[in-house]
């Protein structure tokens, strides 16, 4: 397994954006399962993933598939009392850092619960005012 993918499995659910930032490329693109916008940049993506790690509980990767720069990591977790499964689709750059991070999840009700939880969190995190303006 690629060292970045190994490190990802160890820290992505930690909720510690400083650690998550160490595996992200400077201009990483994050495509969330909750809406059709792309977050771009290490700081913004690390902040988003940090909050996601705090929303998810009982998170674990079930299967890891891939080689070279392209990886798919199947996970399961809880969002409140709701079960969810999903796949992290990862593309690594030549430097071994994550360039693209796309998440697909089901069921729809769990994705809705994630969106709700994330909306509450970003309202209280001053960093997101800057990041949201960059998305507009």
N, C-alpha and C. Protein backbone atom coordinates (compact mmCIF):
# COMPACT_ATOMS: atom_id res chain seq x y z
N UNK A 1 0.85 -1.17 0.00
CA UNK A 1 0.00 0.00 0.00
C UNK A 1 0.90 1.24 0.00
N UNK A 2 0.45 2.25 -0.72
CA UNK A 2 1.19 3.51 -0.78
C UNK A 2 1.26 4.13 0.62
N UNK A 3 2.39 4.72 1.01
CA UNK A 3 2.53 5.31 2.35
C UNK A 3 1.49 6.39 2.67
N UNK A 4 1.08 7.19 1.69
CA UNK A 4 0.07 8.22 1.94
C UNK A 4 -1.27 7.58 2.25
N UNK A 5 -1.61 6.52 1.54
CA UNK A 5 -2.88 5.82 1.79
C UNK A 5 -2.83 5.17 3.17
N UNK A 6 -1.71 4.59 3.52
CA UNK A 6 -1.56 4.01 4.86
C UNK A 6 -1.75 5.08 5.93
N UNK A 7 -1.12 6.22 5.74
CA UNK A 7 -1.24 7.32 6.70
C UNK A 7 -2.69 7.83 6.76
N UNK A 8 -3.34 7.88 5.61
CA UNK A 8 -4.73 8.31 5.55
C UNK A 8 -5.60 7.43 6.43
N UNK A 9 -5.42 6.12 6.35
CA UNK A 9 -6.24 5.21 7.15
C UNK A 9 -6.02 5.42 8.64
N UNK A 10 -4.88 5.96 9.01
CA UNK A 10 -4.56 6.18 10.42
C UNK A 10 -5.10 7.50 10.95
N UNK A 11 -5.26 8.52 10.08
CA UNK A 11 -5.59 9.86 10.59
C UNK A 11 -6.88 10.47 10.06
N UNK A 12 -7.45 9.97 8.97
CA UNK A 12 -8.55 10.71 8.35
C UNK A 12 -9.76 10.85 9.28
N UNK A 13 -10.03 9.89 10.13
CA UNK A 13 -11.18 9.97 11.02
C UNK A 13 -10.84 10.62 12.36
N UNK A 14 -9.61 11.11 12.50
CA UNK A 14 -9.17 11.66 13.79
C UNK A 14 -9.82 12.99 14.13
N UNK A 15 -10.24 13.73 13.10
CA UNK A 15 -10.77 15.07 13.34
C UNK A 15 -9.67 16.10 13.56
N UNK A 16 -8.42 15.71 13.37
CA UNK A 16 -7.28 16.62 13.58
C UNK A 16 -6.81 17.17 12.24
N UNK A 17 -7.30 18.37 11.91
CA UNK A 17 -7.01 18.91 10.58
C UNK A 17 -5.52 19.14 10.35
N UNK A 18 -4.73 19.38 11.43
CA UNK A 18 -3.29 19.57 11.24
C UNK A 18 -2.65 18.29 10.67
N UNK A 19 -3.04 17.15 11.20
CA UNK A 19 -2.51 15.87 10.71
C UNK A 19 -3.00 15.59 9.30
N UNK A 20 -4.28 15.83 9.07
CA UNK A 20 -4.86 15.57 7.75
C UNK A 20 -4.16 16.42 6.69
N UNK A 21 -3.85 17.65 7.03
CA UNK A 21 -3.18 18.55 6.08
C UNK A 21 -1.84 18.03 5.59
N UNK A 22 -1.18 17.18 6.37
CA UNK A 22 0.14 16.68 5.98
C UNK A 22 0.11 15.73 4.80
N UNK A 23 -1.07 15.19 4.46
CA UNK A 23 -1.16 14.24 3.34
C UNK A 23 -1.84 14.85 2.12
N UNK A 24 -2.17 16.14 2.21
CA UNK A 24 -2.88 16.82 1.12
C UNK A 24 -1.93 17.70 0.31
N UNK A 25 -2.11 17.67 -1.01
CA UNK A 25 -1.36 18.56 -1.90
C UNK A 25 -1.82 20.00 -1.66
N UNK A 26 -0.99 20.95 -1.98
CA UNK A 26 -1.29 22.37 -1.80
C UNK A 26 -2.63 22.75 -2.44
N UNK A 27 -2.89 22.28 -3.66
CA UNK A 27 -4.12 22.63 -4.38
C UNK A 27 -5.10 21.46 -4.47
N UNK A 28 -5.16 20.66 -3.42
CA UNK A 28 -6.06 19.51 -3.40
C UNK A 28 -7.50 19.94 -3.71
N UNK A 29 -8.22 19.07 -4.41
CA UNK A 29 -9.63 19.29 -4.70
C UNK A 29 -10.44 18.24 -3.93
N UNK A 30 -11.43 18.70 -3.16
CA UNK A 30 -12.28 17.80 -2.39
C UNK A 30 -13.71 17.92 -2.90
N UNK A 31 -14.27 16.78 -3.32
CA UNK A 31 -15.64 16.73 -3.83
C UNK A 31 -16.48 15.98 -2.80
N UNK A 32 -17.28 16.70 -2.01
CA UNK A 32 -18.04 16.08 -0.93
C UNK A 32 -19.31 15.39 -1.43
N UNK A 33 -19.87 14.51 -0.61
CA UNK A 33 -21.10 13.82 -1.01
C UNK A 33 -22.35 14.66 -0.73
N UNK A 34 -22.20 15.81 -0.08
CA UNK A 34 -23.36 16.56 0.40
C UNK A 34 -23.85 17.65 -0.54
N UNK A 35 -23.04 18.09 -1.48
CA UNK A 35 -23.47 19.08 -2.46
C UNK A 35 -22.48 19.11 -3.62
N UNK A 36 -22.87 19.86 -4.67
CA UNK A 36 -22.12 19.82 -5.93
C UNK A 36 -21.17 21.02 -6.04
N UNK A 37 -20.31 21.20 -5.09
CA UNK A 37 -19.26 22.22 -5.15
C UNK A 37 -17.96 21.51 -4.79
N UNK A 38 -16.86 22.09 -5.21
CA UNK A 38 -15.55 21.51 -4.90
C UNK A 38 -14.81 22.45 -3.96
N UNK A 39 -14.32 21.90 -2.87
CA UNK A 39 -13.44 22.64 -1.97
C UNK A 39 -12.03 22.51 -2.52
N UNK A 40 -11.28 23.60 -2.55
CA UNK A 40 -9.93 23.57 -3.11
C UNK A 40 -8.95 24.20 -2.14
N UNK A 41 -7.80 23.56 -2.00
CA UNK A 41 -6.73 24.09 -1.17
C UNK A 41 -6.57 23.30 0.12
N UNK A 42 -5.32 23.12 0.50
CA UNK A 42 -4.97 22.30 1.67
C UNK A 42 -5.69 22.76 2.94
N UNK A 43 -5.66 24.05 3.26
CA UNK A 43 -6.25 24.52 4.51
C UNK A 43 -7.75 24.28 4.56
N UNK A 44 -8.45 24.62 3.48
CA UNK A 44 -9.90 24.45 3.45
C UNK A 44 -10.28 22.98 3.53
N UNK A 45 -9.62 22.14 2.75
CA UNK A 45 -9.96 20.71 2.73
C UNK A 45 -9.62 20.06 4.07
N UNK A 46 -8.49 20.41 4.65
CA UNK A 46 -8.14 19.85 5.96
C UNK A 46 -9.17 20.25 7.01
N UNK A 47 -9.65 21.49 6.95
CA UNK A 47 -10.67 21.95 7.90
C UNK A 47 -11.97 21.17 7.73
N UNK A 48 -12.41 21.00 6.49
CA UNK A 48 -13.63 20.24 6.21
C UNK A 48 -13.48 18.81 6.72
N UNK A 49 -12.39 18.15 6.36
CA UNK A 49 -12.19 16.76 6.77
C UNK A 49 -12.02 16.63 8.28
N UNK A 50 -11.45 17.64 8.90
CA UNK A 50 -11.36 17.64 10.35
C UNK A 50 -12.73 17.61 11.00
N UNK A 51 -13.64 18.42 10.49
CA UNK A 51 -15.01 18.42 11.02
C UNK A 51 -15.72 17.10 10.72
N UNK A 52 -15.53 16.58 9.52
CA UNK A 52 -16.16 15.30 9.17
C UNK A 52 -15.70 14.21 10.14
N UNK A 53 -14.42 14.21 10.46
CA UNK A 53 -13.89 13.23 11.40
C UNK A 53 -14.52 13.32 12.77
N UNK A 54 -15.01 14.50 13.13
CA UNK A 54 -15.69 14.68 14.42
C UNK A 54 -17.17 14.33 14.33
N UNK A 55 -17.76 14.41 13.15
CA UNK A 55 -19.17 14.06 12.96
C UNK A 55 -19.33 12.54 12.88
N UNK A 56 -18.43 11.88 12.17
CA UNK A 56 -18.49 10.42 12.05
C UNK A 56 -18.11 9.76 13.37
N UNK A 57 -18.77 8.65 13.67
CA UNK A 57 -18.34 7.79 14.77
C UNK A 57 -18.26 6.36 14.25
N UNK A 58 -17.60 5.53 14.99
CA UNK A 58 -17.41 4.12 14.60
C UNK A 58 -16.90 3.99 13.17
N UNK A 59 -16.03 4.90 12.78
CA UNK A 59 -15.50 4.92 11.41
C UNK A 59 -14.44 3.83 11.24
N UNK A 60 -14.55 3.11 10.14
CA UNK A 60 -13.48 2.17 9.79
C UNK A 60 -13.51 1.91 8.28
N UNK A 61 -12.31 1.68 7.74
CA UNK A 61 -12.21 1.29 6.35
C UNK A 61 -12.42 -0.21 6.26
N UNK A 62 -13.30 -0.63 5.34
CA UNK A 62 -13.60 -2.05 5.16
C UNK A 62 -12.73 -2.69 4.09
N UNK A 63 -12.49 -1.95 3.02
CA UNK A 63 -11.66 -2.47 1.92
C UNK A 63 -10.87 -1.33 1.31
N UNK A 64 -9.67 -1.65 0.87
CA UNK A 64 -8.82 -0.67 0.20
C UNK A 64 -8.37 -1.30 -1.11
N UNK A 65 -8.66 -0.61 -2.20
CA UNK A 65 -8.35 -1.12 -3.53
C UNK A 65 -7.57 -0.06 -4.30
N UNK A 66 -6.57 -0.48 -5.02
CA UNK A 66 -5.86 0.46 -5.85
C UNK A 66 -4.40 0.14 -5.97
N UNK A 67 -3.74 0.97 -6.76
CA UNK A 67 -2.31 0.89 -6.95
C UNK A 67 -1.85 2.18 -7.61
N UNK A 68 -0.57 2.43 -7.54
CA UNK A 68 -0.04 3.65 -8.15
C UNK A 68 -0.69 4.88 -7.56
N UNK A 69 -1.30 5.71 -8.42
CA UNK A 69 -1.89 6.97 -7.97
C UNK A 69 -3.39 6.92 -7.73
N UNK A 70 -4.05 5.80 -8.06
CA UNK A 70 -5.51 5.74 -7.98
C UNK A 70 -5.96 4.72 -6.94
N UNK A 71 -6.78 5.19 -5.99
CA UNK A 71 -7.20 4.36 -4.85
C UNK A 71 -8.68 4.55 -4.56
N UNK A 72 -9.31 3.48 -4.08
CA UNK A 72 -10.69 3.51 -3.60
C UNK A 72 -10.69 2.86 -2.22
N UNK A 73 -11.19 3.58 -1.23
CA UNK A 73 -11.21 3.11 0.15
C UNK A 73 -12.66 3.07 0.61
N UNK A 74 -13.20 1.87 0.77
CA UNK A 74 -14.59 1.69 1.21
C UNK A 74 -14.65 1.81 2.73
N UNK A 75 -15.60 2.61 3.23
CA UNK A 75 -15.71 2.80 4.67
C UNK A 75 -17.13 2.59 5.16
N UNK A 76 -17.24 2.43 6.47
CA UNK A 76 -18.54 2.46 7.13
C UNK A 76 -18.40 3.31 8.37
N UNK A 77 -19.53 3.91 8.80
CA UNK A 77 -19.51 4.79 9.96
C UNK A 77 -20.93 5.01 10.44
N UNK A 78 -21.02 5.79 11.48
CA UNK A 78 -22.31 6.26 11.97
C UNK A 78 -22.29 7.79 11.95
N UNK A 79 -23.46 8.34 11.69
CA UNK A 79 -23.69 9.78 11.78
C UNK A 79 -24.85 9.91 12.74
N UNK A 80 -24.57 10.26 13.97
CA UNK A 80 -25.59 10.16 15.01
C UNK A 80 -25.91 8.69 15.21
N UNK A 81 -27.18 8.34 15.08
CA UNK A 81 -27.55 6.93 15.21
C UNK A 81 -27.80 6.26 13.86
N UNK A 82 -27.44 6.95 12.78
CA UNK A 82 -27.66 6.43 11.43
C UNK A 82 -26.40 5.77 10.89
N UNK A 83 -26.58 4.64 10.22
CA UNK A 83 -25.48 3.94 9.57
C UNK A 83 -25.24 4.54 8.19
N UNK A 84 -23.99 4.51 7.77
CA UNK A 84 -23.63 4.98 6.43
C UNK A 84 -22.47 4.15 5.91
N UNK A 85 -22.42 4.02 4.61
CA UNK A 85 -21.26 3.43 3.93
C UNK A 85 -20.88 4.37 2.81
N UNK A 86 -19.62 4.29 2.42
CA UNK A 86 -19.17 5.16 1.36
C UNK A 86 -17.83 4.73 0.82
N UNK A 87 -17.36 5.50 -0.15
CA UNK A 87 -16.08 5.22 -0.79
C UNK A 87 -15.34 6.54 -0.95
N UNK A 88 -14.09 6.56 -0.50
CA UNK A 88 -13.19 7.67 -0.77
C UNK A 88 -12.43 7.34 -2.04
N UNK A 89 -12.57 8.16 -3.06
CA UNK A 89 -11.84 8.00 -4.32
C UNK A 89 -10.68 8.98 -4.30
N UNK A 90 -9.49 8.45 -4.31
CA UNK A 90 -8.28 9.24 -4.09
C UNK A 90 -7.37 9.19 -5.31
N UNK A 91 -6.88 10.35 -5.72
CA UNK A 91 -5.84 10.43 -6.74
C UNK A 91 -4.63 11.11 -6.10
N UNK A 92 -3.49 10.45 -6.18
CA UNK A 92 -2.25 10.98 -5.65
C UNK A 92 -1.47 11.68 -6.76
N UNK A 93 -0.75 12.71 -6.40
CA UNK A 93 0.12 13.39 -7.35
C UNK A 93 1.48 12.73 -7.41
N UNK A 94 2.34 13.24 -8.27
CA UNK A 94 3.69 12.69 -8.43
C UNK A 94 4.48 12.76 -7.12
N UNK A 95 4.14 13.73 -6.26
CA UNK A 95 4.83 13.86 -4.97
C UNK A 95 4.27 12.93 -3.90
N UNK A 96 3.23 12.16 -4.27
CA UNK A 96 2.63 11.21 -3.33
C UNK A 96 1.56 11.79 -2.44
N UNK A 97 1.26 13.09 -2.58
CA UNK A 97 0.21 13.71 -1.77
C UNK A 97 -1.13 13.61 -2.49
N UNK A 98 -2.21 13.75 -1.74
CA UNK A 98 -3.56 13.63 -2.30
C UNK A 98 -3.88 14.88 -3.11
N UNK A 99 -4.16 14.68 -4.40
CA UNK A 99 -4.54 15.78 -5.30
C UNK A 99 -6.05 15.90 -5.43
N UNK A 100 -6.73 14.75 -5.47
CA UNK A 100 -8.18 14.73 -5.59
C UNK A 100 -8.74 13.76 -4.57
N UNK A 101 -9.78 14.20 -3.86
CA UNK A 101 -10.41 13.40 -2.81
C UNK A 101 -11.92 13.53 -3.02
N UNK A 102 -12.54 12.51 -3.57
CA UNK A 102 -13.97 12.52 -3.83
C UNK A 102 -14.64 11.48 -2.94
N UNK A 103 -15.78 11.84 -2.37
CA UNK A 103 -16.49 10.92 -1.48
C UNK A 103 -17.89 10.66 -2.04
N UNK A 104 -18.25 9.38 -2.11
CA UNK A 104 -19.62 8.98 -2.44
C UNK A 104 -20.14 8.18 -1.26
N UNK A 105 -21.43 8.40 -0.91
CA UNK A 105 -22.01 7.75 0.27
C UNK A 105 -23.45 7.36 0.02
N UNK A 106 -23.91 6.46 0.88
CA UNK A 106 -25.32 6.10 0.94
C UNK A 106 -25.64 5.66 2.35
N UNK A 107 -26.84 5.61 2.79
CA UNK A 107 -28.06 6.04 2.09
C UNK A 107 -28.24 7.55 2.13
N UNK A 108 -29.19 7.99 1.34
CA UNK A 108 -29.48 9.40 1.19
C UNK A 108 -29.76 10.06 2.55
N UNK A 109 -30.49 9.39 3.43
CA UNK A 109 -30.83 9.97 4.74
C UNK A 109 -29.57 10.24 5.57
N UNK A 110 -28.57 9.39 5.47
CA UNK A 110 -27.31 9.60 6.20
C UNK A 110 -26.52 10.76 5.61
N UNK A 111 -26.55 10.89 4.30
CA UNK A 111 -25.88 12.02 3.65
C UNK A 111 -26.54 13.32 4.10
N UNK A 112 -27.87 13.31 4.20
CA UNK A 112 -28.60 14.49 4.68
C UNK A 112 -28.22 14.83 6.12
N UNK A 113 -28.06 13.80 6.96
CA UNK A 113 -27.66 14.03 8.35
C UNK A 113 -26.24 14.60 8.41
N UNK A 114 -25.37 14.14 7.54
CA UNK A 114 -24.01 14.67 7.47
C UNK A 114 -24.04 16.14 7.06
N UNK A 115 -24.82 16.45 6.05
CA UNK A 115 -24.91 17.84 5.59
C UNK A 115 -25.41 18.75 6.71
N UNK A 116 -26.44 18.30 7.43
CA UNK A 116 -26.98 19.08 8.53
C UNK A 116 -25.92 19.33 9.62
N UNK A 117 -25.23 18.27 10.00
CA UNK A 117 -24.19 18.37 11.04
C UNK A 117 -23.06 19.29 10.59
N UNK A 118 -22.66 19.19 9.33
CA UNK A 118 -21.58 20.02 8.82
C UNK A 118 -22.02 21.49 8.74
N UNK A 119 -23.25 21.74 8.33
CA UNK A 119 -23.74 23.12 8.27
C UNK A 119 -23.71 23.76 9.66
N UNK A 120 -24.07 23.02 10.69
CA UNK A 120 -24.02 23.55 12.06
C UNK A 120 -22.58 23.86 12.47
N UNK A 121 -21.65 23.00 12.10
CA UNK A 121 -20.25 23.18 12.48
C UNK A 121 -19.62 24.37 11.77
N UNK A 122 -19.87 24.52 10.48
CA UNK A 122 -19.22 25.61 9.76
C UNK A 122 -19.74 26.98 10.20
N UNK A 123 -20.94 27.02 10.74
CA UNK A 123 -21.48 28.29 11.25
C UNK A 123 -20.69 28.79 12.46
N UNK A 124 -20.03 27.87 13.17
CA UNK A 124 -19.31 28.26 14.38
C UNK A 124 -17.80 28.24 14.21
N UNK A 125 -17.32 28.00 13.00
CA UNK A 125 -15.88 27.95 12.72
C UNK A 125 -15.54 29.15 11.83
N UNK A 126 -14.88 30.14 12.40
CA UNK A 126 -14.58 31.38 11.67
C UNK A 126 -13.78 31.15 10.40
N UNK A 127 -12.99 30.08 10.35
CA UNK A 127 -12.20 29.80 9.14
C UNK A 127 -13.09 29.65 7.91
N UNK A 128 -14.32 29.19 8.10
CA UNK A 128 -15.17 28.89 6.96
C UNK A 128 -15.74 30.12 6.30
N UNK A 129 -15.76 31.25 6.96
CA UNK A 129 -16.20 32.47 6.29
C UNK A 129 -15.27 32.77 5.12
N UNK A 130 -13.98 32.64 5.35
CA UNK A 130 -12.99 32.87 4.29
C UNK A 130 -13.13 31.81 3.19
N UNK A 131 -13.26 30.54 3.61
CA UNK A 131 -13.34 29.45 2.63
C UNK A 131 -14.62 29.54 1.79
N UNK A 132 -15.73 29.86 2.42
CA UNK A 132 -17.00 29.94 1.70
C UNK A 132 -16.98 31.08 0.67
N UNK A 133 -16.32 32.20 1.03
CA UNK A 133 -16.20 33.30 0.07
C UNK A 133 -15.40 32.86 -1.15
N UNK A 134 -14.41 32.00 -0.93
CA UNK A 134 -13.60 31.51 -2.04
C UNK A 134 -14.41 30.60 -2.96
N UNK A 135 -15.42 29.93 -2.40
CA UNK A 135 -16.28 29.04 -3.20
C UNK A 135 -17.27 29.82 -4.06
N UNK A 136 -17.65 31.00 -3.61
CA UNK A 136 -18.72 31.76 -4.29
C UNK A 136 -18.31 32.22 -5.67
